[in-house]
Amino acid sequence: MSWIFSPTDNWNRSVLISRVMVIVLSVDVPEMRETRSYFCEFMEVIAKVSSRSFPSPPWPRRQRGLHLAPPFLLDDYIPQYQLISSRDAAKKRSQAYAHLRNCNLCPRLCGVNRYEKTGVCLIGAESVKVNVIAPHFGEEPCIQGHNGSGSVFFSGCNLRCVFCQNHDIAHQRNGFDLTPEELAEWYMKLQEVGKVHNINLVTAEHVVPQVVLSILHAKELGLNLPIIYNTSSFDSLDSIKLLHGLVDIYLPDFKVWSNNTSKRLLKADNYTETAMESIKAMHESVGDLCFTADGIAKKGVLLRHLVMPGLESEGEEIVRWLAENISKDMYIHIMEQYHPRAHVGKPKRRTKSDVVAPGGFPSPDDPDVQRVRYEDINRPANEDEVSSVQKAAQAAGLCRFVEPAAHGGFNI
């Protein structure tokens, strides 16, 4: 009997059966009583069959349904900066220049005039330092698509993560200088030559004013791709306010939960509170992640959390907070590719209290002689740690997760 009703929603079938029975039972014609009796017996059988649990469709199909369900499906999309008025554009330019003269767009609140000197990020006002500009195929499938994401990797950073996976870019400030106008011309090359799906601004927290100026200039040049702001979430609310109306997709990390952990591993005392405030502001600006029918993300927030060894409990707190305070429809990528980088695993620095043997070398009896820096995170995260965070996310009510692409290809 299961073929009579579509096995997609038991509740809908039950409602339909109830309504049909009400109609039949409401007709009290003597000639129909025997027929009505047979019909009622038949409907009871149908009700019993429909109450059984029909097998769910395969997870990839359900996952695609979550991506492209009507609340998250866009018929077409126009980037937000295309809709900004000339008056609002002029206002944003003025605000960007003002912030450069008194820099407070990240929680470091240096307050310096970047035309005269630099703050923690070591980047001035008139240009940005860029390491790589290219179509990138290392992002989530819905971001990179078939043609890649037009990624701009900025040098420098306002955090000092000891495990930084891009420390050669973020910590060493390698690269070349570009003015906002030159940066806009590179966006156009990515669009016209690279045929990319979007412009992906990676680690731009410390150069938001220049980024704003570049987007506004690129609009005048004919840019029509969505803008992605790829961030550590160590942003001030003023920064998110300045980006509002220009950024289509926010790609924030939520790294750690404990302030003690952030102080030790990120060298930032107030990371957690800052990330919570900035992610809330991002979600208020663009909402949950939405797609066009080709499976490419166009607007919304895609949040990342990198599971770190021994810190799975912090990941569990993060996903619970997201579900309770942001949205259960938050699109989330629980990443498991952590590996020791930057300062992790390097030999410990000697201190005055170290035991030194004759000849100037550490004594073999010193228990720290073979120890390395940040030994507790000097290994990849294991399957149990990753699974623990994933299960916590599901238990909290989150259901929209980035899944690995089948056979390494594009998976929507």
Foldseek 3Di string as FASTA:
>chain_A
DCVVDDLPDLVVVVVVLVVVLVVLVVDDDVVCPVVNVVVVVVSVVVNVVSVDRDDDDDPLVVLVCLFCPVVFADQDDFALLLVDDPVVLVVLLVVLQVCLCQPDWFPVRQGHNLCVFDDPQRDGAFKFFWADFDFDDPDFLLAQPPLGEGETHTAAAPWDFQQDPPCVRHVVSDGDIDGLCRVLVSLVCCVPVSVTQAYEYARCSRPLSSPSSNQNNNVVVPDGHAYEYAHQLRTAPVSLVSCQSRHFEYEYEDEFADLVCCCVRTVDNCRNVSSVVSVQSQCVRWNAWHDYPVSHTGGHYEYEYEQFFPRLVRLLVVLLCCVVPPHLSHEYEHHQPRAGDRQPPAQDDDDPPFDADPPGHGDPPGPSNPPGPPPRRNGGHDPVSSVSSVVSNVVSNRDRYRDQDPPNHRRD
